[in-house]
Amino acid sequence: MAPDEETDEPGKRGSIGQQIFDQVQRMLKDDNLSATEAFRRISEETGRREGTVAANYYRIARMRGMTRARGGGAGRPRGRRAGGGGGDVQSAMARVSTALDELTAAVRRQEQEIARLRQENERLEEIRRLARRLSR
């Protein structure tokens, strides 16, 4: 598994995002870092891309209602320090990363469904062969 993929194991889905969120929150509070600096540190420590770290953080923040509505600093958690610079680019990268993660998950589900349908098709073909033998 790539270092920036969330686990698909039952009961563990989204646990990486939660861990990242908690870690960023600690850094914001205890180390007095900006979110960007926290994302960078976590990226260096874990080997995950900075945009993936940010996407995970903001996804959990949105789930907790910690982001403002569009037009009023979209994608920024409450309490973020002003003047961090690059917020629009970072926010865009976070959205792109989230979209890519969702697309990757959808493709995986589709691949599993195709594999299941192929197996089903093989079984159906075997039934047809047996039916032809019986009808002779």
N, C-alpha and C. Protein backbone atom coordinates (compact mmCIF):
# COMPACT_ATOMS: atom_id res chain seq x y z
N MET A 1 0.86 -1.18 0.00
CA MET A 1 0.00 0.00 0.00
C MET A 1 0.89 1.23 0.00
N ALA A 2 0.56 2.19 -0.83
CA ALA A 2 1.32 3.43 -0.90
C ALA A 2 1.16 4.18 0.42
N PRO A 3 2.18 4.98 0.80
CA PRO A 3 2.12 5.64 2.09
C PRO A 3 1.03 6.67 2.22
N ASP A 4 0.41 7.12 1.13
CA ASP A 4 -0.63 8.14 1.28
C ASP A 4 -2.01 7.61 0.95
N GLU A 5 -2.19 6.30 1.04
CA GLU A 5 -3.51 5.72 0.84
C GLU A 5 -4.08 5.35 2.20
N GLU A 6 -5.36 5.60 2.36
CA GLU A 6 -6.02 5.20 3.58
C GLU A 6 -6.32 3.72 3.49
N THR A 7 -6.37 3.08 4.64
CA THR A 7 -6.65 1.66 4.67
C THR A 7 -8.10 1.40 4.30
N ASP A 8 -8.34 0.28 3.62
CA ASP A 8 -9.70 -0.11 3.26
C ASP A 8 -10.20 -1.22 4.18
N GLU A 9 -9.42 -1.54 5.24
CA GLU A 9 -9.84 -2.60 6.14
C GLU A 9 -11.10 -2.18 6.88
N PRO A 10 -12.03 -3.12 7.08
CA PRO A 10 -13.27 -2.78 7.78
C PRO A 10 -12.97 -2.22 9.17
N GLY A 11 -13.70 -1.20 9.55
CA GLY A 11 -13.55 -0.61 10.87
C GLY A 11 -12.39 0.37 10.97
N LYS A 12 -11.55 0.42 9.94
CA LYS A 12 -10.39 1.29 9.99
C LYS A 12 -10.45 2.39 8.94
N ARG A 13 -11.49 2.41 8.12
CA ARG A 13 -11.63 3.40 7.06
C ARG A 13 -11.65 4.79 7.66
N GLY A 14 -10.80 5.65 7.19
CA GLY A 14 -10.77 7.02 7.67
C GLY A 14 -9.92 7.23 8.90
N SER A 15 -9.31 6.16 9.42
CA SER A 15 -8.53 6.32 10.65
C SER A 15 -7.28 7.16 10.42
N ILE A 16 -6.71 7.10 9.24
CA ILE A 16 -5.52 7.91 8.94
C ILE A 16 -5.89 9.38 8.95
N GLY A 17 -7.03 9.72 8.35
CA GLY A 17 -7.47 11.10 8.36
C GLY A 17 -7.68 11.61 9.77
N GLN A 18 -8.27 10.78 10.62
CA GLN A 18 -8.49 11.17 12.01
C GLN A 18 -7.16 11.37 12.74
N GLN A 19 -6.20 10.48 12.49
CA GLN A 19 -4.88 10.61 13.12
C GLN A 19 -4.20 11.90 12.66
N ILE A 20 -4.28 12.18 11.38
CA ILE A 20 -3.67 13.40 10.85
C ILE A 20 -4.34 14.62 11.46
N PHE A 21 -5.67 14.61 11.52
CA PHE A 21 -6.40 15.74 12.10
C PHE A 21 -5.94 15.99 13.54
N ASP A 22 -5.89 14.93 14.34
CA ASP A 22 -5.48 15.07 15.74
C ASP A 22 -4.05 15.59 15.85
N GLN A 23 -3.17 15.08 15.00
CA GLN A 23 -1.77 15.49 15.02
C GLN A 23 -1.64 16.98 14.65
N VAL A 24 -2.36 17.41 13.62
CA VAL A 24 -2.31 18.82 13.21
C VAL A 24 -2.85 19.70 14.33
N GLN A 25 -3.97 19.29 14.93
CA GLN A 25 -4.55 20.08 16.02
C GLN A 25 -3.55 20.24 17.17
N ARG A 26 -2.85 19.17 17.52
CA ARG A 26 -1.82 19.26 18.58
C ARG A 26 -0.73 20.24 18.19
N MET A 27 -0.27 20.17 16.94
CA MET A 27 0.80 21.06 16.48
C MET A 27 0.34 22.52 16.47
N LEU A 28 -0.91 22.75 16.08
CA LEU A 28 -1.44 24.11 16.06
C LEU A 28 -1.47 24.69 17.47
N LYS A 29 -1.88 23.85 18.41
CA LYS A 29 -2.03 24.31 19.79
C LYS A 29 -0.70 24.31 20.55
N ASP A 30 -0.03 23.17 20.59
CA ASP A 30 1.17 23.01 21.43
C ASP A 30 2.41 23.66 20.84
N ASP A 31 2.61 23.51 19.51
CA ASP A 31 3.82 24.02 18.88
C ASP A 31 3.61 25.39 18.25
N ASN A 32 2.37 25.88 18.30
CA ASN A 32 2.02 27.19 17.73
C ASN A 32 2.44 27.29 16.26
N LEU A 33 2.22 26.21 15.52
CA LEU A 33 2.54 26.18 14.10
C LEU A 33 1.33 26.61 13.28
N SER A 34 1.58 27.05 12.07
CA SER A 34 0.47 27.27 11.13
C SER A 34 0.08 25.90 10.58
N ALA A 35 -1.10 25.83 9.98
CA ALA A 35 -1.55 24.56 9.41
C ALA A 35 -0.58 24.10 8.32
N THR A 36 -0.12 25.04 7.51
CA THR A 36 0.82 24.70 6.43
C THR A 36 2.09 24.08 7.00
N GLU A 37 2.61 24.67 8.07
CA GLU A 37 3.82 24.12 8.69
C GLU A 37 3.57 22.73 9.27
N ALA A 38 2.39 22.56 9.88
CA ALA A 38 2.04 21.25 10.44
C ALA A 38 1.93 20.21 9.32
N PHE A 39 1.28 20.57 8.21
CA PHE A 39 1.16 19.64 7.08
C PHE A 39 2.55 19.24 6.57
N ARG A 40 3.44 20.22 6.48
CA ARG A 40 4.79 19.96 5.99
C ARG A 40 5.52 18.99 6.92
N ARG A 41 5.42 19.23 8.23
CA ARG A 41 6.09 18.35 9.20
C ARG A 41 5.56 16.92 9.12
N ILE A 42 4.25 16.80 9.09
CA ILE A 42 3.65 15.47 9.03
C ILE A 42 4.04 14.78 7.72
N SER A 43 4.09 15.54 6.65
CA SER A 43 4.51 15.00 5.36
C SER A 43 5.92 14.44 5.45
N GLU A 44 6.80 15.19 6.06
CA GLU A 44 8.20 14.75 6.20
C GLU A 44 8.31 13.51 7.09
N GLU A 45 7.51 13.49 8.17
CA GLU A 45 7.57 12.38 9.12
C GLU A 45 6.98 11.09 8.56
N THR A 46 5.93 11.21 7.76
CA THR A 46 5.20 10.01 7.32
C THR A 46 5.50 9.58 5.89
N GLY A 47 6.06 10.50 5.09
CA GLY A 47 6.30 10.18 3.69
C GLY A 47 5.08 10.42 2.82
N ARG A 48 4.00 10.92 3.41
CA ARG A 48 2.81 11.25 2.63
C ARG A 48 3.02 12.59 1.95
N ARG A 49 2.34 12.79 0.84
CA ARG A 49 2.42 14.09 0.16
C ARG A 49 1.75 15.14 1.03
N GLU A 50 2.27 16.34 0.98
CA GLU A 50 1.73 17.44 1.78
C GLU A 50 0.26 17.69 1.44
N GLY A 51 -0.07 17.63 0.16
CA GLY A 51 -1.45 17.85 -0.26
C GLY A 51 -2.39 16.78 0.28
N THR A 52 -1.89 15.54 0.38
CA THR A 52 -2.70 14.45 0.92
C THR A 52 -2.95 14.67 2.41
N VAL A 53 -1.91 15.12 3.11
CA VAL A 53 -2.05 15.41 4.54
C VAL A 53 -3.11 16.51 4.72
N ALA A 54 -3.00 17.57 3.92
CA ALA A 54 -3.95 18.68 4.01
C ALA A 54 -5.36 18.20 3.67
N ALA A 55 -5.50 17.38 2.64
CA ALA A 55 -6.82 16.89 2.23
C ALA A 55 -7.46 16.09 3.36
N ASN A 56 -6.68 15.23 3.99
CA ASN A 56 -7.20 14.44 5.10
C ASN A 56 -7.63 15.33 6.25
N TYR A 57 -6.80 16.32 6.57
CA TYR A 57 -7.12 17.24 7.66
C TYR A 57 -8.43 17.98 7.38
N TYR A 58 -8.53 18.56 6.19
CA TYR A 58 -9.71 19.36 5.87
C TYR A 58 -10.97 18.51 5.73
N ARG A 59 -10.82 17.26 5.30
CA ARG A 59 -11.98 16.38 5.20
C ARG A 59 -12.56 16.14 6.59
N ILE A 60 -11.70 15.86 7.56
CA ILE A 60 -12.17 15.65 8.94
C ILE A 60 -12.72 16.95 9.51
N ALA A 61 -12.05 18.07 9.22
CA ALA A 61 -12.52 19.38 9.71
C ALA A 61 -13.92 19.67 9.17
N ARG A 62 -14.15 19.37 7.88
CA ARG A 62 -15.49 19.58 7.30
C ARG A 62 -16.52 18.69 7.99
N MET A 63 -16.15 17.43 8.23
CA MET A 63 -17.07 16.51 8.89
C MET A 63 -17.44 17.01 10.28
N ARG A 64 -16.54 17.72 10.93
CA ARG A 64 -16.79 18.25 12.27
C ARG A 64 -17.37 19.65 12.24
N GLY A 65 -17.64 20.17 11.04
CA GLY A 65 -18.23 21.50 10.92
C GLY A 65 -17.28 22.62 11.27
N MET A 66 -16.00 22.39 11.07
CA MET A 66 -14.99 23.38 11.44
C MET A 66 -14.56 24.26 10.29
N THR A 67 -15.25 24.20 9.16
CA THR A 67 -14.89 25.07 8.04
C THR A 67 -16.03 26.03 7.80
N ARG A 68 -15.69 27.15 7.23
CA ARG A 68 -16.69 28.16 6.93
C ARG A 68 -17.37 27.86 5.61
N ALA A 69 -18.54 28.46 5.42
CA ALA A 69 -19.26 28.29 4.15
C ALA A 69 -18.46 28.94 3.03
N ARG A 70 -18.71 28.51 1.81
CA ARG A 70 -18.03 29.06 0.64
C ARG A 70 -18.15 30.57 0.60
N GLY A 71 -17.07 31.22 0.21
CA GLY A 71 -17.07 32.67 0.08
C GLY A 71 -16.52 33.35 1.32
N GLY A 72 -16.47 32.66 2.44
CA GLY A 72 -15.97 33.26 3.66
C GLY A 72 -14.72 32.56 4.15
N GLY A 73 -13.81 32.25 3.26
CA GLY A 73 -12.59 31.56 3.66
C GLY A 73 -12.79 30.06 3.57
N ALA A 74 -13.32 29.61 2.46
CA ALA A 74 -13.64 28.20 2.28
C ALA A 74 -12.44 27.33 2.54
N GLY A 75 -12.68 26.23 3.22
CA GLY A 75 -11.63 25.24 3.44
C GLY A 75 -10.70 25.59 4.58
N ARG A 76 -10.94 26.68 5.28
CA ARG A 76 -10.07 27.04 6.39
C ARG A 76 -10.74 26.72 7.71
N PRO A 77 -10.03 26.01 8.59
CA PRO A 77 -10.62 25.74 9.89
C PRO A 77 -10.67 27.01 10.71
N ARG A 78 -11.64 27.09 11.61
CA ARG A 78 -11.73 28.26 12.49
C ARG A 78 -10.45 28.36 13.30
N GLY A 79 -10.04 29.61 13.54
CA GLY A 79 -8.86 29.82 14.36
C GLY A 79 -7.57 29.82 13.58
N ARG A 80 -7.61 29.63 12.31
CA ARG A 80 -6.39 29.64 11.51
C ARG A 80 -5.84 31.05 11.46
N ARG A 81 -4.54 31.12 11.56
CA ARG A 81 -3.90 32.43 11.53
C ARG A 81 -3.96 33.03 10.15
N ALA A 82 -4.22 34.31 10.07
CA ALA A 82 -4.27 35.02 8.80
C ALA A 82 -2.86 35.24 8.29
N GLY A 83 -2.76 35.49 6.99
CA GLY A 83 -1.46 35.82 6.41
C GLY A 83 -0.58 34.62 6.16
N GLY A 84 -1.15 33.42 6.14
CA GLY A 84 -0.35 32.22 5.92
C GLY A 84 0.15 32.13 4.49
N GLY A 85 -0.48 32.83 3.57
CA GLY A 85 -0.05 32.81 2.18
C GLY A 85 -0.30 31.47 1.53
N GLY A 86 -0.58 31.49 0.25
CA GLY A 86 -0.75 30.25 -0.50
C GLY A 86 -1.99 29.47 -0.11
N GLY A 87 -2.90 30.09 0.63
CA GLY A 87 -4.10 29.38 1.08
C GLY A 87 -4.96 28.90 -0.06
N ASP A 88 -5.09 29.72 -1.10
CA ASP A 88 -5.92 29.32 -2.24
C ASP A 88 -5.31 28.13 -2.95
N VAL A 89 -4.01 28.16 -3.16
CA VAL A 89 -3.33 27.04 -3.84
C VAL A 89 -3.41 25.80 -2.98
N GLN A 90 -3.15 25.97 -1.69
CA GLN A 90 -3.18 24.83 -0.79
C GLN A 90 -4.59 24.24 -0.72
N SER A 91 -5.58 25.09 -0.64
CA SER A 91 -6.96 24.64 -0.59
C SER A 91 -7.31 23.89 -1.88
N ALA A 92 -6.89 24.43 -3.00
CA ALA A 92 -7.15 23.78 -4.29
C ALA A 92 -6.46 22.42 -4.35
N MET A 93 -5.22 22.38 -3.88
CA MET A 93 -4.48 21.11 -3.88
C MET A 93 -5.16 20.09 -2.96
N ALA A 94 -5.66 20.56 -1.84
CA ALA A 94 -6.36 19.66 -0.92
C ALA A 94 -7.61 19.10 -1.58
N ARG A 95 -8.35 19.96 -2.29
CA ARG A 95 -9.57 19.49 -2.98
C ARG A 95 -9.21 18.50 -4.09
N VAL A 96 -8.15 18.80 -4.82
CA VAL A 96 -7.72 17.89 -5.90
C VAL A 96 -7.31 16.55 -5.30
N SER A 97 -6.56 16.60 -4.22
CA SER A 97 -6.11 15.36 -3.58
C SER A 97 -7.30 14.54 -3.08
N THR A 98 -8.26 15.21 -2.47
CA THR A 98 -9.47 14.52 -2.00
C THR A 98 -10.22 13.89 -3.17
N ALA A 99 -10.35 14.65 -4.25
CA ALA A 99 -11.05 14.14 -5.44
C ALA A 99 -10.32 12.92 -6.01
N LEU A 100 -8.99 12.98 -6.04
CA LEU A 100 -8.21 11.85 -6.54
C LEU A 100 -8.37 10.63 -5.64
N ASP A 101 -8.39 10.85 -4.33
CA ASP A 101 -8.61 9.74 -3.40
C ASP A 101 -9.97 9.10 -3.64
N GLU A 102 -10.99 9.94 -3.84
CA GLU A 102 -12.34 9.41 -4.09
C GLU A 102 -12.38 8.67 -5.42
N LEU A 103 -11.72 9.20 -6.43
CA LEU A 103 -11.67 8.54 -7.73
C LEU A 103 -10.96 7.20 -7.64
N THR A 104 -9.85 7.17 -6.91
CA THR A 104 -9.10 5.93 -6.73
C THR A 104 -9.98 4.87 -6.06
N ALA A 105 -10.71 5.27 -5.04
CA ALA A 105 -11.60 4.33 -4.35
C ALA A 105 -12.69 3.83 -5.29
N ALA A 106 -13.24 4.72 -6.11
CA ALA A 106 -14.29 4.33 -7.07
C ALA A 106 -13.74 3.35 -8.10
N VAL A 107 -12.53 3.59 -8.58
CA VAL A 107 -11.92 2.69 -9.56
C VAL A 107 -11.67 1.32 -8.93
N ARG A 108 -11.22 1.30 -7.68
CA ARG A 108 -11.02 0.02 -6.99
C ARG A 108 -12.33 -0.76 -6.87
N ARG A 109 -13.40 -0.05 -6.48
CA ARG A 109 -14.70 -0.71 -6.38
C ARG A 109 -15.13 -1.25 -7.74
N GLN A 110 -14.90 -0.46 -8.77
CA GLN A 110 -15.27 -0.88 -10.12
C GLN A 110 -14.47 -2.11 -10.55
N GLU A 111 -13.18 -2.14 -10.23
CA GLU A 111 -12.35 -3.30 -10.57
C GLU A 111 -12.85 -4.55 -9.86
N GLN A 112 -13.24 -4.40 -8.59
CA GLN A 112 -13.78 -5.53 -7.85
C GLN A 112 -15.08 -6.03 -8.46
N GLU A 113 -15.93 -5.10 -8.87
CA GLU A 113 -17.20 -5.47 -9.49
C GLU A 113 -16.96 -6.18 -10.83
N ILE A 114 -16.00 -5.69 -11.61
CA ILE A 114 -15.69 -6.33 -12.89
C ILE A 114 -15.17 -7.74 -12.65
N ALA A 115 -14.31 -7.93 -11.66
CA ALA A 115 -13.79 -9.27 -11.35
C ALA A 115 -14.94 -10.20 -10.95
N ARG A 116 -15.88 -9.67 -10.13
CA ARG A 116 -17.03 -10.48 -9.71
C ARG A 116 -17.88 -10.87 -10.91
N LEU A 117 -18.12 -9.91 -11.81
CA LEU A 117 -18.93 -10.19 -12.99
C LEU A 117 -18.24 -11.19 -13.92
N ARG A 118 -16.93 -11.11 -14.03
CA ARG A 118 -16.21 -12.09 -14.86
C ARG A 118 -16.37 -13.50 -14.31
N GLN A 119 -16.26 -13.62 -12.97
CA GLN A 119 -16.45 -14.93 -12.36
C GLN A 119 -17.88 -15.43 -12.61
N GLU A 120 -18.83 -14.57 -12.47
CA GLU A 120 -20.23 -14.92 -12.70
C GLU A 120 -20.43 -15.34 -14.15
N ASN A 121 -19.80 -14.64 -15.07
CA ASN A 121 -19.90 -14.97 -16.48
C ASN A 121 -19.29 -16.34 -16.77
N GLU A 122 -18.17 -16.67 -16.12
CA GLU A 122 -17.55 -17.98 -16.30
C GLU A 122 -18.49 -19.09 -15.79
N ARG A 123 -19.13 -18.84 -14.65
CA ARG A 123 -20.09 -19.83 -14.12
C ARG A 123 -21.26 -20.01 -15.09
N LEU A 124 -21.77 -18.92 -15.61
CA LEU A 124 -22.89 -18.98 -16.55
C LEU A 124 -22.48 -19.75 -17.80
N GLU A 125 -21.29 -19.51 -18.29
CA GLU A 125 -20.80 -20.22 -19.48
C GLU A 125 -20.70 -21.72 -19.21
N GLU A 126 -20.26 -22.09 -18.01
CA GLU A 126 -20.17 -23.50 -17.64
C GLU A 126 -21.57 -24.12 -17.60
N ILE A 127 -22.53 -23.40 -17.08
CA ILE A 127 -23.92 -23.89 -17.04
C ILE A 127 -24.43 -24.10 -18.46
N ARG A 128 -24.13 -23.17 -19.37
CA ARG A 128 -24.55 -23.31 -20.77
C ARG A 128 -23.94 -24.54 -21.41
N ARG A 129 -22.64 -24.78 -21.14
CA ARG A 129 -21.98 -25.98 -21.69
C ARG A 129 -22.66 -27.26 -21.19
N LEU A 130 -22.95 -27.28 -19.89
CA LEU A 130 -23.63 -28.46 -19.32
C LEU A 130 -25.02 -28.63 -19.90
N ALA A 131 -25.74 -27.54 -20.10
CA ALA A 131 -27.09 -27.61 -20.68
C ALA A 131 -27.03 -28.14 -22.10
N ARG A 132 -26.02 -27.71 -22.88
CA ARG A 132 -25.88 -28.20 -24.25
C ARG A 132 -25.61 -29.71 -24.27
N ARG A 133 -24.77 -30.17 -23.34
CA ARG A 133 -24.46 -31.60 -23.27
C ARG A 133 -25.73 -32.41 -22.96
N LEU A 134 -26.50 -31.89 -22.03
CA LEU A 134 -27.72 -32.58 -21.62
C LEU A 134 -28.78 -32.60 -22.72
N SER A 135 -28.78 -31.58 -23.55
CA SER A 135 -29.82 -31.49 -24.59
C SER A 135 -29.47 -32.32 -25.82
N ARG A 136 -28.32 -32.89 -25.89
CA ARG A 136 -27.93 -33.71 -27.05
C ARG A 136 -28.53 -35.06 -27.01
